[in-house]
Amino acid sequence: EIIAQKLCLIQDTLAPKLSKPTMLVFAADHGIVNNYPVSSCPQEVTP
């Protein structure tokens, strides 16, 4: 019921419709990893 209320508020309607769900996965490397062990994995794992 809480989710339904939120959908109605977002779409400003009493009959919300979800359309074409999209997932964007962003990938990038971090310079700190080259010099300090802040991760258990090496940077090569990103690509």
All heavy atoms as atom14 arrays in JSON, in Angstrom:
{
  "sequence": "EIIAQKLCLIQDTLAPKLSKPTMLVFAADHGIVNNYPVSSCPQEVTP",
  "atom14_mask": [
    [1, 1, 1, 1, 1, 1, 1, 1, 1, 0, 0, 0, 0, 0],
    [1, 1, 1, 1, 1, 1, 1, 1, 0, 0, 0, 0, 0, 0],
    [1, 1, 1, 1, 1, 1, 1, 1, 0, 0, 0, 0, 0, 0],
    [1, 1, 1, 1, 1, 0, 0, 0, 0, 0, 0, 0, 0, 0],
    [1, 1, 1, 1, 1, 1, 1, 1, 1, 0, 0, 0, 0, 0],
    [1, 1, 1, 1, 1, 1, 1, 1, 1, 0, 0, 0, 0, 0],
    [1, 1, 1, 1, 1, 1, 1, 1, 0, 0, 0, 0, 0, 0],
    [1, 1, 1, 1, 1, 1, 0, 0, 0, 0, 0, 0, 0, 0],
    [1, 1, 1, 1, 1, 1, 1, 1, 0, 0, 0, 0, 0, 0],
    [1, 1, 1, 1, 1, 1, 1, 1, 0, 0, 0, 0, 0, 0],
    [1, 1, 1, 1, 1, 1, 1, 1, 1, 0, 0, 0, 0, 0],
    [1, 1, 1, 1, 1, 1, 1, 1, 0, 0, 0, 0, 0, 0],
    [1, 1, 1, 1, 1, 1, 1, 0, 0, 0, 0, 0, 0, 0],
    [1, 1, 1, 1, 1, 1, 1, 1, 0, 0, 0, 0, 0, 0],
    [1, 1, 1, 1, 1, 0, 0, 0, 0, 0, 0, 0, 0, 0],
    [1, 1, 1, 1, 1, 1, 1, 0, 0, 0, 0, 0, 0, 0],
    [1, 1, 1, 1, 1, 1, 1, 1, 1, 0, 0, 0, 0, 0],
    [1, 1, 1, 1, 1, 1, 1, 1, 0, 0, 0, 0, 0, 0],
    [1, 1, 1, 1, 1, 1, 0, 0, 0, 0, 0, 0, 0, 0],
    [1, 1, 1, 1, 1, 1, 1, 1, 1, 0, 0, 0, 0, 0],
    [1, 1, 1, 1, 1, 1, 1, 0, 0, 0, 0, 0, 0, 0],
    [1, 1, 1, 1, 1, 1, 1, 0, 0, 0, 0, 0, 0, 0],
    [1, 1, 1, 1, 1, 1, 1, 1, 0, 0, 0, 0, 0, 0],
    [1, 1, 1, 1, 1, 1, 1, 1, 0, 0, 0, 0, 0, 0],
    [1, 1, 1, 1, 1, 1, 1, 0, 0, 0, 0, 0, 0, 0],
    [1, 1, 1, 1, 1, 1, 1, 1, 1, 1, 1, 0, 0, 0],
    [1, 1, 1, 1, 1, 0, 0, 0, 0, 0, 0, 0, 0, 0],
    [1, 1, 1, 1, 1, 0, 0, 0, 0, 0, 0, 0, 0, 0],
    [1, 1, 1, 1, 1, 1, 1, 1, 0, 0, 0, 0, 0, 0],
    [1, 1, 1, 1, 1, 1, 1, 1, 1, 1, 0, 0, 0, 0],
    [1, 1, 1, 1, 0, 0, 0, 0, 0, 0, 0, 0, 0, 0],
    [1, 1, 1, 1, 1, 1, 1, 1, 0, 0, 0, 0, 0, 0],
    [1, 1, 1, 1, 1, 1, 1, 0, 0, 0, 0, 0, 0, 0],
    [1, 1, 1, 1, 1, 1, 1, 1, 0, 0, 0, 0, 0, 0],
    [1, 1, 1, 1, 1, 1, 1, 1, 0, 0, 0, 0, 0, 0],
    [1, 1, 1, 1, 1, 1, 1, 1, 1, 1, 1, 1, 0, 0],
    [1, 1, 1, 1, 1, 1, 1, 0, 0, 0, 0, 0, 0, 0],
    [1, 1, 1, 1, 1, 1, 1, 0, 0, 0, 0, 0, 0, 0],
    [1, 1, 1, 1, 1, 1, 0, 0, 0, 0, 0, 0, 0, 0],
    [1, 1, 1, 1, 1, 1, 0, 0, 0, 0, 0, 0, 0, 0],
    [1, 1, 1, 1, 1, 1, 0, 0, 0, 0, 0, 0, 0, 0],
    [1, 1, 1, 1, 1, 1, 1, 0, 0, 0, 0, 0, 0, 0],
    [1, 1, 1, 1, 1, 1, 1, 1, 1, 0, 0, 0, 0, 0],
    [1, 1, 1, 1, 1, 1, 1, 1, 1, 0, 0, 0, 0, 0],
    [1, 1, 1, 1, 1, 1, 1, 0, 0, 0, 0, 0, 0, 0],
    [1, 1, 1, 1, 1, 1, 1, 0, 0, 0, 0, 0, 0, 0],
    [1, 1, 1, 1, 1, 1, 1, 0, 0, 0, 0, 0, 0, 0]
  ],
  "atom14_positions": [
    [[0.83, -1.2, 0.0], [0.0, 0.0, 0.0], [0.86, 1.26, 0.0], [0.54, 2.26, -0.66], [-0.94, -0.01, 1.21], [-1.9, -1.19, 1.18], [-2.94, -1.15, 2.3], [-3.14, -0.07, 2.91], [-3.56, -2.2, 2.57], [0.0, 0.0, 0.0], [0.0, 0.0, 0.0], [0.0, 0.0, 0.0], [0.0, 0.0, 0.0], [0.0, 0.0, 0.0]],
    [[1.98, 1.2, 0.72], [2.91, 2.34, 0.74], [3.53, 2.54, -0.64], [3.66, 3.67, -1.13], [4.0, 2.1, 1.81], [3.36, 2.01, 3.2], [5.05, 3.21, 1.77], [4.33, 1.57, 4.28], [0.0, 0.0, 0.0], [0.0, 0.0, 0.0], [0.0, 0.0, 0.0], [0.0, 0.0, 0.0], [0.0, 0.0, 0.0], [0.0, 0.0, 0.0]],
    [[3.91, 1.43, -1.28], [4.5, 1.52, -2.62], [3.47, 2.06, -3.61], [3.78, 2.93, -4.43], [5.02, 0.14, -3.08], [6.15, -0.34, -2.15], [5.5, 0.2, -4.52], [6.55, -1.79, -2.39], [0.0, 0.0, 0.0], [0.0, 0.0, 0.0], [0.0, 0.0, 0.0], [0.0, 0.0, 0.0], [0.0, 0.0, 0.0], [0.0, 0.0, 0.0]],
    [[2.25, 1.56, -3.53], [1.2, 2.02, -4.45], [0.96, 3.52, -4.28], [0.8, 4.24, -5.27], [-0.08, 1.24, -4.2], [0.0, 0.0, 0.0], [0.0, 0.0, 0.0], [0.0, 0.0, 0.0], [0.0, 0.0, 0.0], [0.0, 0.0, 0.0], [0.0, 0.0, 0.0], [0.0, 0.0, 0.0], [0.0, 0.0, 0.0], [0.0, 0.0, 0.0]],
    [[0.94, 3.97, -3.05], [0.77, 5.41, -2.8], [1.9, 6.21, -3.44], [1.66, 7.25, -4.07], [0.74, 5.69, -1.3], [0.54, 7.16, -0.95], [0.71, 7.43, 0.53], [1.81, 7.69, 1.01], [-0.39, 7.35, 1.26], [0.0, 0.0, 0.0], [0.0, 0.0, 0.0], [0.0, 0.0, 0.0], [0.0, 0.0, 0.0], [0.0, 0.0, 0.0]],
    [[3.11, 5.7, -3.32], [4.26, 6.4, -3.9], [4.16, 6.45, -5.43], [4.43, 7.49, -6.05], [5.56, 5.69, -3.49], [6.83, 6.45, -3.8], [7.2, 7.38, -2.66], [8.53, 8.07, -2.9], [9.4, 8.11, -1.76], [0.0, 0.0, 0.0], [0.0, 0.0, 0.0], [0.0, 0.0, 0.0], [0.0, 0.0, 0.0], [0.0, 0.0, 0.0]],
    [[3.76, 5.34, -6.04], [3.61, 5.32, -7.49], [2.56, 6.33, -7.94], [2.74, 7.03, -8.94], [3.23, 3.91, -7.96], [4.27, 2.81, -7.78], [3.71, 1.46, -8.22], [5.55, 3.11, -8.54], [0.0, 0.0, 0.0], [0.0, 0.0, 0.0], [0.0, 0.0, 0.0], [0.0, 0.0, 0.0], [0.0, 0.0, 0.0], [0.0, 0.0, 0.0]],
    [[1.47, 6.41, -7.21], [0.42, 7.37, -7.54], [0.93, 8.81, -7.42], [0.65, 9.66, -8.27], [-0.79, 7.17, -6.63], [-1.73, 5.67, -6.94], [0.0, 0.0, 0.0], [0.0, 0.0, 0.0], [0.0, 0.0, 0.0], [0.0, 0.0, 0.0], [0.0, 0.0, 0.0], [0.0, 0.0, 0.0], [0.0, 0.0, 0.0], [0.0, 0.0, 0.0]],
    [[1.68, 9.08, -6.37], [2.22, 10.42, -6.17], [3.2, 10.79, -7.28], [3.16, 11.9, -7.82], [2.91, 10.51, -4.81], [2.01, 10.61, -3.58], [2.84, 10.46, -2.31], [1.25, 11.94, -3.57], [0.0, 0.0, 0.0], [0.0, 0.0, 0.0], [0.0, 0.0, 0.0], [0.0, 0.0, 0.0], [0.0, 0.0, 0.0], [0.0, 0.0, 0.0]],
    [[4.08, 9.86, -7.62], [5.09, 10.13, -8.65], [4.42, 10.44, -9.99], [4.81, 11.37, -10.69], [6.06, 8.94, -8.78], [6.96, 8.85, -7.53], [6.91, 9.07, -10.05], [7.8, 7.58, -7.47], [0.0, 0.0, 0.0], [0.0, 0.0, 0.0], [0.0, 0.0, 0.0], [0.0, 0.0, 0.0], [0.0, 0.0, 0.0], [0.0, 0.0, 0.0]],
    [[3.42, 9.64, -10.33], [2.77, 9.8, -11.64], [1.56, 10.72, -11.59], [0.95, 10.99, -12.63], [2.4, 8.43, -12.2], [3.61, 7.54, -12.43], [3.28, 6.22, -13.13], [2.2, 6.04, -13.68], [4.23, 5.31, -13.12], [0.0, 0.0, 0.0], [0.0, 0.0, 0.0], [0.0, 0.0, 0.0], [0.0, 0.0, 0.0], [0.0, 0.0, 0.0]],
    [[1.22, 11.19, -10.39], [0.09, 12.11, -10.21], [-1.18, 11.55, -10.82], [-1.9, 12.21, -11.57], [0.42, 13.49, -10.82], [-0.53, 14.59, -10.33], [-1.04, 14.45, -9.21], [-0.75, 15.56, -11.06], [0.0, 0.0, 0.0], [0.0, 0.0, 0.0], [0.0, 0.0, 0.0], [0.0, 0.0, 0.0], [0.0, 0.0, 0.0], [0.0, 0.0, 0.0]],
    [[-1.47, 10.3, -10.47], [-2.64, 9.62, -11.0], [-3.08, 8.55, -10.02], [-2.25, 8.02, -9.25], [-2.35, 8.98, -12.37], [-3.52, 8.3, -12.82], [-1.2, 7.99, -12.3], [0.0, 0.0, 0.0], [0.0, 0.0, 0.0], [0.0, 0.0, 0.0], [0.0, 0.0, 0.0], [0.0, 0.0, 0.0], [0.0, 0.0, 0.0], [0.0, 0.0, 0.0]],
    [[-4.36, 8.19, -10.06], [-4.86, 7.07, -9.26], [-4.7, 5.74, -9.99], [-5.08, 4.7, -9.45], [-6.33, 7.3, -8.91], [-6.62, 8.45, -7.94], [-8.12, 8.67, -7.78], [-5.97, 8.19, -6.58], [0.0, 0.0, 0.0], [0.0, 0.0, 0.0], [0.0, 0.0, 0.0], [0.0, 0.0, 0.0], [0.0, 0.0, 0.0], [0.0, 0.0, 0.0]],
    [[-4.18, 5.78, -11.2], [-3.99, 4.56, -12.0], [-2.57, 4.52, -12.57], [-2.36, 4.66, -13.77], [-5.02, 4.49, -13.12], [0.0, 0.0, 0.0], [0.0, 0.0, 0.0], [0.0, 0.0, 0.0], [0.0, 0.0, 0.0], [0.0, 0.0, 0.0], [0.0, 0.0, 0.0], [0.0, 0.0, 0.0], [0.0, 0.0, 0.0], [0.0, 0.0, 0.0]],
    [[-1.56, 4.34, -11.72], [-0.17, 4.36, -12.19], [0.16, 3.16, -13.07], [-0.39, 2.08, -12.89], [0.64, 4.32, -10.89], [-0.25, 3.6, -9.92], [-1.65, 4.04, -10.28], [0.0, 0.0, 0.0], [0.0, 0.0, 0.0], [0.0, 0.0, 0.0], [0.0, 0.0, 0.0], [0.0, 0.0, 0.0], [0.0, 0.0, 0.0], [0.0, 0.0, 0.0]],
    [[1.06, 3.38, -14.03], [1.5, 2.32, -14.92], [3.02, 2.33, -15.0], [3.62, 3.37, -15.27], [0.91, 2.51, -16.33], [-0.61, 2.42, -16.41], [-1.1, 1.0, -16.17], [-2.62, 0.9, -16.37], [-3.12, -0.47, -16.09], [0.0, 0.0, 0.0], [0.0, 0.0, 0.0], [0.0, 0.0, 0.0], [0.0, 0.0, 0.0], [0.0, 0.0, 0.0]],
    [[3.62, 1.18, -14.79], [5.07, 1.04, -14.93], [5.38, 0.63, -16.36], [4.79, -0.32, -16.89], [5.6, -0.01, -13.95], [5.38, 0.3, -12.46], [5.77, -0.9, -11.6], [6.16, 1.53, -12.05], [0.0, 0.0, 0.0], [0.0, 0.0, 0.0], [0.0, 0.0, 0.0], [0.0, 0.0, 0.0], [0.0, 0.0, 0.0], [0.0, 0.0, 0.0]],
    [[6.31, 1.34, -16.98], [6.58, 1.12, -18.4], [8.07, 0.94, -18.66], [8.88, 1.75, -18.22], [6.06, 2.31, -19.2], [6.4, 2.2, -20.57], [0.0, 0.0, 0.0], [0.0, 0.0, 0.0], [0.0, 0.0, 0.0], [0.0, 0.0, 0.0], [0.0, 0.0, 0.0], [0.0, 0.0, 0.0], [0.0, 0.0, 0.0], [0.0, 0.0, 0.0]],
    [[8.41, -0.11, -19.36], [9.77, -0.36, -19.85], [10.84, -0.15, -18.77], [11.65, 0.77, -18.85], [10.07, 0.51, -21.07], [9.19, 0.19, -22.27], [9.59, 0.97, -23.51], [8.72, 0.6, -24.7], [9.09, 1.34, -25.93], [0.0, 0.0, 0.0], [0.0, 0.0, 0.0], [0.0, 0.0, 0.0], [0.0, 0.0, 0.0], [0.0, 0.0, 0.0]],
    [[10.88, -1.0, -17.75], [11.88, -0.85, -16.69], [13.29, -0.87, -17.26], [13.61, -1.69, -18.13], [11.62, -2.04, -15.77], [10.9, -3.04, -16.63], [10.07, -2.22, -17.58], [0.0, 0.0, 0.0], [0.0, 0.0, 0.0], [0.0, 0.0, 0.0], [0.0, 0.0, 0.0], [0.0, 0.0, 0.0], [0.0, 0.0, 0.0], [0.0, 0.0, 0.0]],
    [[14.11, 0.04, -16.76], [15.47, 0.22, -17.28], [16.48, 0.04, -16.16], [16.29, 0.53, -15.05], [15.61, 1.64, -17.88], [14.75, 1.75, -19.01], [17.04, 1.91, -18.3], [0.0, 0.0, 0.0], [0.0, 0.0, 0.0], [0.0, 0.0, 0.0], [0.0, 0.0, 0.0], [0.0, 0.0, 0.0], [0.0, 0.0, 0.0], [0.0, 0.0, 0.0]],
    [[17.56, -0.65, -16.46], [18.69, -0.8, -15.53], [19.93, -0.22, -16.19], [20.32, -0.64, -17.27], [18.92, -2.28, -15.2], [20.12, -2.52, -14.28], [19.91, -1.89, -12.61], [18.61, -2.99, -12.01], [0.0, 0.0, 0.0], [0.0, 0.0, 0.0], [0.0, 0.0, 0.0], [0.0, 0.0, 0.0], [0.0, 0.0, 0.0], [0.0, 0.0, 0.0]],
    [[20.53, 0.75, -15.53], [21.79, 1.34, -15.98], [22.89, 0.91, -15.02], [22.85, 1.24, -13.83], [21.7, 2.86, -16.01], [20.6, 3.47, -16.89], [20.63, 5.0, -16.78], [20.74, 3.04, -18.34], [0.0, 0.0, 0.0], [0.0, 0.0, 0.0], [0.0, 0.0, 0.0], [0.0, 0.0, 0.0], [0.0, 0.0, 0.0], [0.0, 0.0, 0.0]],
    [[23.87, 0.16, -15.53], [25.0, -0.27, -14.72], [26.22, 0.53, -15.13], [26.71, 0.42, -16.26], [25.27, -1.78, -14.88], [26.47, -2.19, -14.03], [24.04, -2.59, -14.46], [0.0, 0.0, 0.0], [0.0, 0.0, 0.0], [0.0, 0.0, 0.0], [0.0, 0.0, 0.0], [0.0, 0.0, 0.0], [0.0, 0.0, 0.0], [0.0, 0.0, 0.0]],
    [[26.71, 1.37, -14.22], [27.84, 2.26, -14.47], [29.12, 1.6, -13.93], [29.14, 1.12, -12.8], [27.63, 3.6, -13.79], [26.45, 4.37, -14.29], [25.2, 4.23, -13.71], [26.58, 5.24, -15.37], [24.1, 4.93, -14.17], [25.49, 5.96, -15.84], [24.25, 5.8, -15.25], [0.0, 0.0, 0.0], [0.0, 0.0, 0.0], [0.0, 0.0, 0.0]],
    [[30.18, 1.63, -14.73], [31.43, 0.99, -14.34], [32.6, 1.96, -14.45], [32.66, 2.75, -15.41], [31.7, -0.24, -15.21], [0.0, 0.0, 0.0], [0.0, 0.0, 0.0], [0.0, 0.0, 0.0], [0.0, 0.0, 0.0], [0.0, 0.0, 0.0], [0.0, 0.0, 0.0], [0.0, 0.0, 0.0], [0.0, 0.0, 0.0], [0.0, 0.0, 0.0]],
    [[33.49, 1.91, -13.48], [34.67, 2.79, -13.51], [35.72, 2.27, -12.53], [35.41, 1.5, -11.61], [34.28, 4.22, -13.15], [0.0, 0.0, 0.0], [0.0, 0.0, 0.0], [0.0, 0.0, 0.0], [0.0, 0.0, 0.0], [0.0, 0.0, 0.0], [0.0, 0.0, 0.0], [0.0, 0.0, 0.0], [0.0, 0.0, 0.0], [0.0, 0.0, 0.0]],
    [[36.95, 2.71, -12.73], [38.05, 2.34, -11.85], [38.44, 3.49, -10.93], [38.11, 4.65, -11.18], [39.27, 1.89, -12.67], [39.13, 0.45, -13.13], [38.87, -0.41, -12.27], [39.28, 0.19, -14.34], [0.0, 0.0, 0.0], [0.0, 0.0, 0.0], [0.0, 0.0, 0.0], [0.0, 0.0, 0.0], [0.0, 0.0, 0.0], [0.0, 0.0, 0.0]],
    [[39.14, 3.12, -9.86], [39.48, 4.06, -8.79], [40.99, 4.07, -8.57], [41.6, 3.02, -8.31], [38.77, 3.66, -7.5], [37.27, 3.77, -7.59], [36.55, 4.72, -6.94], [36.36, 3.04, -8.31], [35.27, 4.6, -7.22], [35.13, 3.58, -8.07], [0.0, 0.0, 0.0], [0.0, 0.0, 0.0], [0.0, 0.0, 0.0], [0.0, 0.0, 0.0]],
    [[41.57, 5.26, -8.63], [43.03, 5.38, -8.53], [43.61, 4.92, -7.21], [44.75, 4.44, -7.17], [0.0, 0.0, 0.0], [0.0, 0.0, 0.0], [0.0, 0.0, 0.0], [0.0, 0.0, 0.0], [0.0, 0.0, 0.0], [0.0, 0.0, 0.0], [0.0, 0.0, 0.0], [0.0, 0.0, 0.0], [0.0, 0.0, 0.0], [0.0, 0.0, 0.0]],
    [[42.83, 5.02, -6.12], [43.33, 4.63, -4.8], [43.75, 3.17, -4.78], [44.69, 2.78, -4.07], [42.25, 4.9, -3.72], [42.8, 4.67, -2.31], [41.01, 4.06, -3.97], [43.73, 5.73, -1.82], [0.0, 0.0, 0.0], [0.0, 0.0, 0.0], [0.0, 0.0, 0.0], [0.0, 0.0, 0.0], [0.0, 0.0, 0.0], [0.0, 0.0, 0.0]],
    [[43.1, 2.33, -5.61], [43.35, 0.89, -5.59], [44.76, 0.57, -6.06], [45.36, -0.44, -5.66], [42.31, 0.17, -6.47], [42.62, -1.32, -6.61], [40.91, 0.36, -5.9], [0.0, 0.0, 0.0], [0.0, 0.0, 0.0], [0.0, 0.0, 0.0], [0.0, 0.0, 0.0], [0.0, 0.0, 0.0], [0.0, 0.0, 0.0], [0.0, 0.0, 0.0]],
    [[45.32, 1.44, -6.9], [46.67, 1.18, -7.43], [47.75, 1.32, -6.37], [48.86, 0.79, -6.54], [46.96, 2.15, -8.59], [46.08, 1.9, -9.78], [45.79, 0.76, -10.13], [45.62, 2.98, -10.42], [0.0, 0.0, 0.0], [0.0, 0.0, 0.0], [0.0, 0.0, 0.0], [0.0, 0.0, 0.0], [0.0, 0.0, 0.0], [0.0, 0.0, 0.0]],
    [[47.46, 2.04, -5.3], [48.49, 2.34, -4.31], [48.18, 1.85, -2.91], [49.09, 1.77, -2.08], [48.72, 3.86, -4.26], [49.23, 4.41, -5.58], [50.14, 3.84, -6.18], [48.64, 5.51, -6.04], [0.0, 0.0, 0.0], [0.0, 0.0, 0.0], [0.0, 0.0, 0.0], [0.0, 0.0, 0.0], [0.0, 0.0, 0.0], [0.0, 0.0, 0.0]],
    [[46.93, 1.51, -2.63], [46.56, 1.09, -1.27], [45.6, -0.09, -1.32], [44.74, -0.19, -2.21], [45.9, 2.25, -0.51], [46.84, 3.37, -0.19], [46.9, 4.5, -0.98], [47.69, 3.28, 0.92], [47.77, 5.54, -0.69], [48.57, 4.31, 1.23], [48.61, 5.44, 0.43], [49.48, 6.46, 0.71], [0.0, 0.0, 0.0], [0.0, 0.0, 0.0]],
    [[45.71, -1.01, -0.34], [44.88, -2.22, -0.34], [43.5, -1.98, 0.28], [43.14, -2.54, 1.32], [45.71, -3.18, 0.53], [46.4, -2.29, 1.52], [46.73, -1.03, 0.75], [0.0, 0.0, 0.0], [0.0, 0.0, 0.0], [0.0, 0.0, 0.0], [0.0, 0.0, 0.0], [0.0, 0.0, 0.0], [0.0, 0.0, 0.0], [0.0, 0.0, 0.0]],
    [[42.68, -1.14, -0.39], [41.34, -0.88, 0.14], [40.33, -1.91, -0.34], [39.17, -1.89, 0.08], [40.86, 0.54, -0.23], [41.75, 1.59, 0.42], [40.84, 0.72, -1.75], [0.0, 0.0, 0.0], [0.0, 0.0, 0.0], [0.0, 0.0, 0.0], [0.0, 0.0, 0.0], [0.0, 0.0, 0.0], [0.0, 0.0, 0.0], [0.0, 0.0, 0.0]],
    [[40.74, -2.78, -1.24], [39.86, -3.83, -1.76], [40.59, -5.16, -1.75], [41.83, -5.21, -1.87], [39.43, -3.49, -3.19], [38.69, -4.57, -3.75], [0.0, 0.0, 0.0], [0.0, 0.0, 0.0], [0.0, 0.0, 0.0], [0.0, 0.0, 0.0], [0.0, 0.0, 0.0], [0.0, 0.0, 0.0], [0.0, 0.0, 0.0], [0.0, 0.0, 0.0]],
    [[39.81, -6.24, -1.62], [40.41, -7.58, -1.67], [40.68, -8.01, -3.1], [41.35, -9.02, -3.34], [39.48, -8.59, -1.0], [38.23, -8.63, -1.67], [0.0, 0.0, 0.0], [0.0, 0.0, 0.0], [0.0, 0.0, 0.0], [0.0, 0.0, 0.0], [0.0, 0.0, 0.0], [0.0, 0.0, 0.0], [0.0, 0.0, 0.0], [0.0, 0.0, 0.0]],
    [[40.18, -7.25, -4.08], [40.33, -7.6, -5.5], [41.24, -6.61, -6.21], [41.22, -5.42, -5.9], [38.98, -7.6, -6.19], [37.78, -8.77, -5.52], [0.0, 0.0, 0.0], [0.0, 0.0, 0.0], [0.0, 0.0, 0.0], [0.0, 0.0, 0.0], [0.0, 0.0, 0.0], [0.0, 0.0, 0.0], [0.0, 0.0, 0.0], [0.0, 0.0, 0.0]],
    [[42.01, -7.05, -7.17], [42.83, -6.13, -7.97], [41.96, -5.37, -8.97], [40.84, -5.78, -9.29], [43.8, -7.05, -8.7], [43.05, -8.35, -8.83], [42.23, -8.46, -7.57], [0.0, 0.0, 0.0], [0.0, 0.0, 0.0], [0.0, 0.0, 0.0], [0.0, 0.0, 0.0], [0.0, 0.0, 0.0], [0.0, 0.0, 0.0], [0.0, 0.0, 0.0]],
    [[42.48, -4.27, -9.47], [41.72, -3.42, -10.39], [41.33, -4.16, -11.66], [40.3, -3.83, -12.28], [42.54, -2.16, -10.73], [41.74, -1.09, -11.42], [42.55, 0.16, -11.68], [43.29, 0.23, -12.66], [42.43, 1.13, -10.79], [0.0, 0.0, 0.0], [0.0, 0.0, 0.0], [0.0, 0.0, 0.0], [0.0, 0.0, 0.0], [0.0, 0.0, 0.0]],
    [[42.1, -5.16, -12.05], [41.79, -5.89, -13.29], [40.41, -6.54, -13.27], [39.85, -6.87, -14.32], [42.84, -6.98, -13.53], [44.22, -6.48, -13.9], [45.01, -5.96, -12.68], [44.57, -6.21, -11.54], [46.04, -5.29, -12.9], [0.0, 0.0, 0.0], [0.0, 0.0, 0.0], [0.0, 0.0, 0.0], [0.0, 0.0, 0.0], [0.0, 0.0, 0.0]],
    [[39.85, -6.7, -12.08], [38.54, -7.34, -11.98], [37.44, -6.45, -12.56], [36.44, -6.96, -13.07], [38.24, -7.7, -10.51], [36.79, -8.17, -10.34], [39.2, -8.79, -10.03], [0.0, 0.0, 0.0], [0.0, 0.0, 0.0], [0.0, 0.0, 0.0], [0.0, 0.0, 0.0], [0.0, 0.0, 0.0], [0.0, 0.0, 0.0], [0.0, 0.0, 0.0]],
    [[37.63, -5.12, -12.53], [36.6, -4.24, -13.07], [36.32, -4.53, -14.54], [35.16, -4.83, -14.89], [36.96, -2.75, -12.88], [37.17, -2.47, -11.5], [35.86, -1.86, -13.41], [0.0, 0.0, 0.0], [0.0, 0.0, 0.0], [0.0, 0.0, 0.0], [0.0, 0.0, 0.0], [0.0, 0.0, 0.0], [0.0, 0.0, 0.0], [0.0, 0.0, 0.0]],
    [[37.3, -4.47, -15.45], [36.98, -4.8, -16.85], [36.56, -6.24, -17.04], [35.74, -6.54, -17.92], [38.28, -4.49, -17.6], [39.36, -4.5, -16.57], [38.71, -4.03, -15.31], [0.0, 0.0, 0.0], [0.0, 0.0, 0.0], [0.0, 0.0, 0.0], [0.0, 0.0, 0.0], [0.0, 0.0, 0.0], [0.0, 0.0, 0.0], [0.0, 0.0, 0.0]]
  ]
}
